[in-house]
């Protein structure tokens, strides 16, 4: 790998990121100054029948991460058994149809598929993935790539099983071999800051429940075949009457609400 070339690419990218961070910093000042009202906001949320667990007040730290495409999946396809495989060079994606569909129920599908994922002849690099109920639906089970730097909620690093008539019939898989730290760690917004800010911006309706609030990396941009990831809070809110869920996304560095996905993906939760 040409590390000099990678270094030059990331320097160009970070020139743009510096401008982005400066503008985001200015926009985030109001959020910082409002933290003193968080306690009263939490009380008001409960009065409006908004349910949630204990909110973490720890800010923590995160990174800008980068990756480059590689052929790890393509180079290991021969290890897979009992499935029909197609590999897409452009997206570096494996598409599979299982020879024998796997029967599952709502109660056992996590256990059954966790065992399936562990076997290398079933799924390549399966130990690097974990089940993400926040991103899954009745017809799809989503596994996300995870590692020492954190989870990745992004189409570039996911394993998605398709379910039809209570059977897992196939999957698609993408994989990031290595995430590179591009910048020293920076402070991020706490879970409590993010959720109270969502409420203050009318993003959490009355009579609802916060089902999930997870921090993960997702794609910010692509530059010269390199992908840049930022930390994002994924907050899933379920309406108690309609049972419909929606996932809000918040930039963990700035606290700004992301109105549309940074990578064009629309995530839904059951």
Protein backbone atom coordinates (compact mmCIF):
# COMPACT_ATOMS: atom_id res chain seq x y z
CA UNK A 1 0.00 0.00 0.00
CA UNK A 2 1.31 3.46 -0.93
CA UNK A 3 1.20 5.19 2.48
CA UNK A 4 2.67 8.41 1.02
CA UNK A 5 -0.27 8.61 -1.37
CA UNK A 6 -2.74 7.95 1.46
CA UNK A 7 -1.10 10.67 3.55
CA UNK A 8 -1.48 13.23 0.75
CA UNK A 9 -5.12 12.29 0.19
CA UNK A 10 -5.98 12.62 3.86
CA UNK A 11 -4.18 15.97 4.11
CA UNK A 12 -6.38 17.28 1.30
CA UNK A 13 -9.46 15.88 3.00
CA UNK A 14 -8.60 17.44 6.32
CA UNK A 15 -8.14 20.87 4.81
CA UNK A 16 -11.82 20.65 3.93
CA UNK A 17 -12.65 19.16 7.34
CA UNK A 18 -11.01 22.07 9.13
CA UNK A 19 -13.40 24.44 7.40
CA UNK A 20 -16.30 22.13 8.24
CA UNK A 21 -15.29 21.97 11.91
CA UNK A 22 -14.98 25.76 12.18
CA UNK A 23 -18.49 26.28 10.83
CA UNK A 24 -19.87 23.47 12.99
CA UNK A 25 -18.22 24.93 16.08
CA UNK A 26 -20.02 28.22 15.55
CA UNK A 27 -23.33 26.43 15.11
CA UNK A 28 -22.83 24.32 18.22
CA UNK A 29 -22.34 27.18 20.69
CA UNK A 30 -26.03 27.39 21.45
CA UNK A 31 -26.08 23.69 22.27
CA UNK A 32 -23.19 24.05 24.71
CA UNK A 33 -24.78 26.96 26.52
CA UNK A 34 -28.06 25.08 26.93
CA UNK A 35 -26.65 22.17 28.95
CA UNK A 36 -27.60 23.81 32.25
CA UNK A 37 -31.27 23.34 31.36
CA UNK A 38 -30.96 19.59 30.77
CA UNK A 39 -32.38 18.61 34.16
CA UNK A 40 -35.57 20.62 33.70
CA UNK A 41 -35.88 19.31 30.14
CA UNK A 42 -35.73 15.70 31.34
CA UNK A 43 -38.50 16.44 33.85
CA UNK A 44 -40.63 18.03 31.15
CA UNK A 45 -40.11 15.04 28.84
CA UNK A 46 -41.38 12.62 31.47
CA UNK A 47 -44.45 14.81 32.07
CA UNK A 48 -45.23 14.47 28.35
CA UNK A 49 -45.17 10.67 28.57
CA UNK A 50 -41.79 10.26 26.87
CA UNK A 51 -40.16 7.09 28.19
CA UNK A 52 -36.42 6.48 28.40
CA UNK A 53 -33.88 4.92 30.68
CA UNK A 54 -31.04 6.54 32.57
CA UNK A 55 -29.26 9.02 30.30
CA UNK A 56 -25.46 8.94 30.34
CA UNK A 57 -23.95 12.36 31.05
CA UNK A 58 -20.38 11.35 30.14
CA UNK A 59 -19.11 13.19 27.07
CA UNK A 60 -16.35 10.81 25.99
CA UNK A 61 -14.11 11.09 22.93
CA UNK A 62 -14.06 9.85 19.35
CA UNK A 63 -12.04 10.13 16.14
CA UNK A 64 -12.20 10.89 12.48
CA UNK A 65 -11.54 7.52 10.85
CA UNK A 66 -10.58 6.57 7.31
CA UNK A 67 -10.47 3.45 5.17
CA UNK A 68 -9.60 2.35 1.67
CA UNK A 69 -11.32 -0.40 -0.35
CA UNK A 70 -9.61 -3.77 -0.45
CA UNK A 71 -10.31 -7.18 -1.92
CA UNK A 72 -10.44 -9.22 1.29
CA UNK A 73 -13.90 -10.60 0.51
CA UNK A 74 -13.06 -11.40 -3.12
CA UNK A 75 -9.85 -13.12 -2.10
CA UNK A 76 -11.62 -15.49 0.31
CA UNK A 77 -14.77 -16.48 -1.56
CA UNK A 78 -13.48 -20.04 -2.02
CA UNK A 79 -13.96 -20.61 1.73
CA UNK A 80 -17.75 -20.28 1.49
CA UNK A 81 -19.91 -23.42 1.22
CA UNK A 82 -23.54 -24.33 0.42
CA UNK A 83 -24.49 -21.01 -1.17
CA UNK A 84 -24.54 -19.32 -4.55
CA UNK A 85 -22.20 -16.33 -4.54
CA UNK A 86 -21.98 -13.19 -6.62
CA UNK A 87 -19.30 -10.54 -6.06
CA UNK A 88 -19.75 -6.89 -7.12
CA UNK A 89 -16.39 -5.27 -7.86
CA UNK A 90 -17.68 -1.69 -7.73
CA UNK A 91 -19.22 -1.92 -4.25
CA UNK A 92 -16.89 -4.68 -3.03
CA UNK A 93 -20.01 -6.57 -1.99
CA UNK A 94 -20.81 -10.25 -1.65
CA UNK A 95 -24.38 -11.31 -2.52
CA UNK A 96 -25.37 -14.81 -1.46
CA UNK A 97 -28.35 -17.13 -1.87
CA UNK A 98 -28.32 -20.01 0.60
CA UNK A 99 -28.75 -23.52 -0.82
CA UNK A 100 -30.85 -24.43 2.22
CA UNK A 101 -32.81 -21.53 3.78
CA UNK A 102 -32.62 -21.30 7.57
CA UNK A 103 -35.89 -21.48 9.53
CA UNK A 104 -36.14 -18.80 12.21
CA UNK A 105 -38.71 -17.28 14.56
CA UNK A 106 -38.85 -13.87 16.19
CA UNK A 107 -37.75 -15.51 19.44
CA UNK A 108 -34.78 -17.54 18.20
CA UNK A 109 -33.47 -15.73 15.12
CA UNK A 110 -30.70 -13.88 16.97
CA UNK A 111 -29.32 -17.07 18.52
CA UNK A 112 -29.63 -19.08 15.32
CA UNK A 113 -27.96 -16.49 13.14
CA UNK A 114 -25.23 -15.66 15.66
CA UNK A 115 -24.18 -19.31 15.47
CA UNK A 116 -24.35 -19.23 11.68
CA UNK A 117 -22.18 -16.11 11.43
CA UNK A 118 -19.41 -17.63 13.55
CA UNK A 119 -18.59 -20.33 11.00
CA UNK A 120 -16.15 -19.14 8.33
CA UNK A 121 -17.59 -21.41 5.65
CA UNK A 122 -20.88 -19.55 6.14
CA UNK A 123 -19.71 -15.94 6.54
CA UNK A 124 -16.28 -14.44 5.86
CA UNK A 125 -14.76 -12.58 8.84
CA UNK A 126 -17.92 -13.28 10.83
CA UNK A 127 -16.22 -12.65 14.17
CA UNK A 128 -15.93 -8.97 13.22
CA UNK A 129 -19.72 -8.49 13.10
CA UNK A 130 -22.45 -8.23 15.72
CA UNK A 131 -26.23 -8.10 15.53
CA UNK A 132 -27.77 -4.62 15.45
CA UNK A 133 -31.47 -4.76 16.41
CA UNK A 134 -31.68 -0.98 16.01
CA UNK A 135 -31.14 -1.31 12.25
CA UNK A 136 -33.07 -4.54 11.73
CA UNK A 137 -36.66 -5.13 10.61
CA UNK A 138 -38.99 -8.11 10.33
CA UNK A 139 -37.63 -8.83 6.85
CA UNK A 140 -33.95 -8.06 7.46
CA UNK A 141 -31.39 -8.87 10.13
CA UNK A 142 -28.54 -6.37 10.10
CA UNK A 143 -25.11 -7.14 11.51
CA UNK A 144 -22.62 -4.29 11.80
CA UNK A 145 -18.85 -4.39 11.78
CA UNK A 146 -17.28 -3.70 15.15
CA UNK A 147 -13.75 -3.36 16.50
CA UNK A 148 -11.50 -1.68 19.03
CA UNK A 149 -12.38 1.79 17.70
CA UNK A 150 -16.13 1.24 17.89
CA UNK A 151 -19.13 0.14 15.86
CA UNK A 152 -19.75 1.10 12.22
CA UNK A 153 -23.34 1.80 11.16
CA UNK A 154 -22.73 2.10 7.46
CA UNK A 155 -23.42 0.23 4.22
CA UNK A 156 -19.66 -0.11 3.66
CA UNK A 157 -19.35 -2.48 6.65
CA UNK A 158 -22.54 -4.48 7.05
CA UNK A 159 -23.89 -7.99 6.84
CA UNK A 160 -27.62 -8.02 5.96
CA UNK A 161 -29.69 -11.21 6.02
CA UNK A 162 -32.93 -11.36 4.03
CA UNK A 163 -35.91 -13.09 5.66
CA UNK A 164 -38.92 -14.39 3.73
CA UNK A 165 -41.74 -16.51 5.20
CA UNK A 166 -39.79 -17.09 8.42
CA UNK A 167 -36.71 -18.28 6.56
CA UNK A 168 -33.32 -16.65 6.05
CA UNK A 169 -32.79 -17.02 2.31
CA UNK A 170 -29.56 -15.10 1.71
CA UNK A 171 -27.42 -12.12 2.57
CA UNK A 172 -25.28 -9.27 1.32
CA UNK A 173 -21.95 -8.38 2.90
CA UNK A 174 -19.47 -5.53 2.80
CA UNK A 175 -16.29 -5.35 4.85
CA UNK A 176 -13.71 -2.80 5.93
CA UNK A 177 -10.43 -4.54 6.65
CA UNK A 178 -8.85 -1.70 8.61
CA UNK A 179 -9.95 1.66 9.99
CA UNK A 180 -7.24 4.32 10.21
CA UNK A 181 -7.25 7.08 12.85
CA UNK A 182 -6.94 10.33 10.93
CA UNK A 183 -6.95 12.85 13.76
CA UNK A 184 -6.37 12.88 17.50
CA UNK A 185 -9.46 12.09 19.55
CA UNK A 186 -11.93 14.88 20.18
CA UNK A 187 -14.72 15.34 22.76
CA UNK A 188 -18.22 14.30 21.75
CA UNK A 189 -21.70 15.12 23.02
CA UNK A 190 -23.13 12.93 25.76
CA UNK A 191 -26.24 10.81 25.37
CA UNK A 192 -28.14 13.20 27.66
CA UNK A 193 -27.06 16.28 25.66
CA UNK A 194 -28.12 14.66 22.40
CA UNK A 195 -31.55 13.50 23.56
CA UNK A 196 -32.49 16.72 25.34
CA UNK A 197 -31.42 18.67 22.26
CA UNK A 198 -33.58 16.45 20.04
CA UNK A 199 -36.54 17.16 22.30
CA UNK A 200 -35.83 20.92 22.33
CA UNK A 201 -35.87 20.83 18.52
CA UNK A 202 -39.27 19.04 18.42
CA UNK A 203 -37.71 15.80 17.15
CA UNK A 204 -39.19 13.67 19.96
CA UNK A 205 -43.02 13.70 20.07
CA UNK A 206 -45.18 13.29 23.15
CA UNK A 207 -46.28 9.78 24.11
CA UNK A 208 -43.22 8.08 22.70
CA UNK A 209 -40.40 5.82 23.84
CA UNK A 210 -36.68 6.09 23.16
CA UNK A 211 -35.88 2.51 22.22
CA UNK A 212 -32.19 2.90 21.37
CA UNK A 213 -29.48 5.52 21.66
CA UNK A 214 -26.27 4.15 20.17
CA UNK A 215 -23.01 5.80 19.17
CA UNK A 216 -21.40 4.51 15.97
CA UNK A 217 -19.28 5.62 13.03
CA UNK A 218 -20.85 6.35 9.67
CA UNK A 219 -19.58 7.65 6.35
CA UNK A 220 -19.09 11.40 6.06
CA UNK A 221 -17.58 11.58 2.58
CA UNK A 222 -15.44 9.87 -0.02
CA UNK A 223 -12.26 11.36 -1.45
CA UNK A 224 -10.07 9.72 -4.09
CA UNK A 225 -11.23 6.17 -3.26
CA UNK A 226 -10.87 6.82 0.48
CA UNK A 227 -13.78 6.90 2.92
CA UNK A 228 -13.97 9.22 5.93
CA UNK A 229 -16.12 8.26 8.93
CA UNK A 230 -17.44 10.38 11.80
CA UNK A 231 -19.15 9.41 15.07
CA UNK A 232 -22.92 9.78 15.03
CA UNK A 233 -25.58 9.21 17.68
CA UNK A 234 -28.40 7.00 16.33
CA UNK A 235 -31.53 7.59 18.44
CA UNK A 236 -34.59 5.43 17.72
CA UNK A 237 -37.95 6.79 18.86
CA UNK A 238 -41.10 4.64 18.90
CA UNK A 239 -44.60 6.11 18.99
CA UNK A 240 -46.56 4.35 21.74
CA UNK A 241 -49.85 4.53 19.84
CA UNK A 242 -48.90 3.73 16.24
CA UNK A 243 -45.88 1.54 17.19
CA UNK A 244 -44.00 3.19 14.31
CA UNK A 245 -40.30 3.86 14.87
CA UNK A 246 -38.00 6.51 13.43
CA UNK A 247 -34.25 6.86 13.85
CA UNK A 248 -32.75 10.32 14.33
CA UNK A 249 -29.08 10.95 13.64
CA UNK A 250 -26.93 13.49 15.46
CA UNK A 251 -23.32 14.49 14.74
CA UNK A 252 -21.55 13.43 17.94
CA UNK A 253 -18.86 16.12 17.58
CA UNK A 254 -21.13 19.13 17.12
CA UNK A 255 -24.52 17.97 18.39
CA UNK A 256 -26.09 19.09 15.11
CA UNK A 257 -29.08 17.07 13.94
CA UNK A 258 -28.47 15.33 10.62
CA UNK A 259 -31.65 15.82 8.61
CA UNK A 260 -30.61 13.31 5.96
CA UNK A 261 -28.11 10.47 6.26
CA UNK A 262 -24.48 11.42 5.65
CA UNK A 263 -24.22 8.51 3.22
CA UNK A 264 -27.66 8.53 1.66
CA UNK A 265 -28.87 5.49 3.60
CA UNK A 266 -32.25 5.43 5.28
CA UNK A 267 -32.14 3.34 8.43
CA UNK A 268 -35.31 2.02 10.03
CA UNK A 269 -35.88 0.10 13.22
CA UNK A 270 -38.53 -2.32 14.28
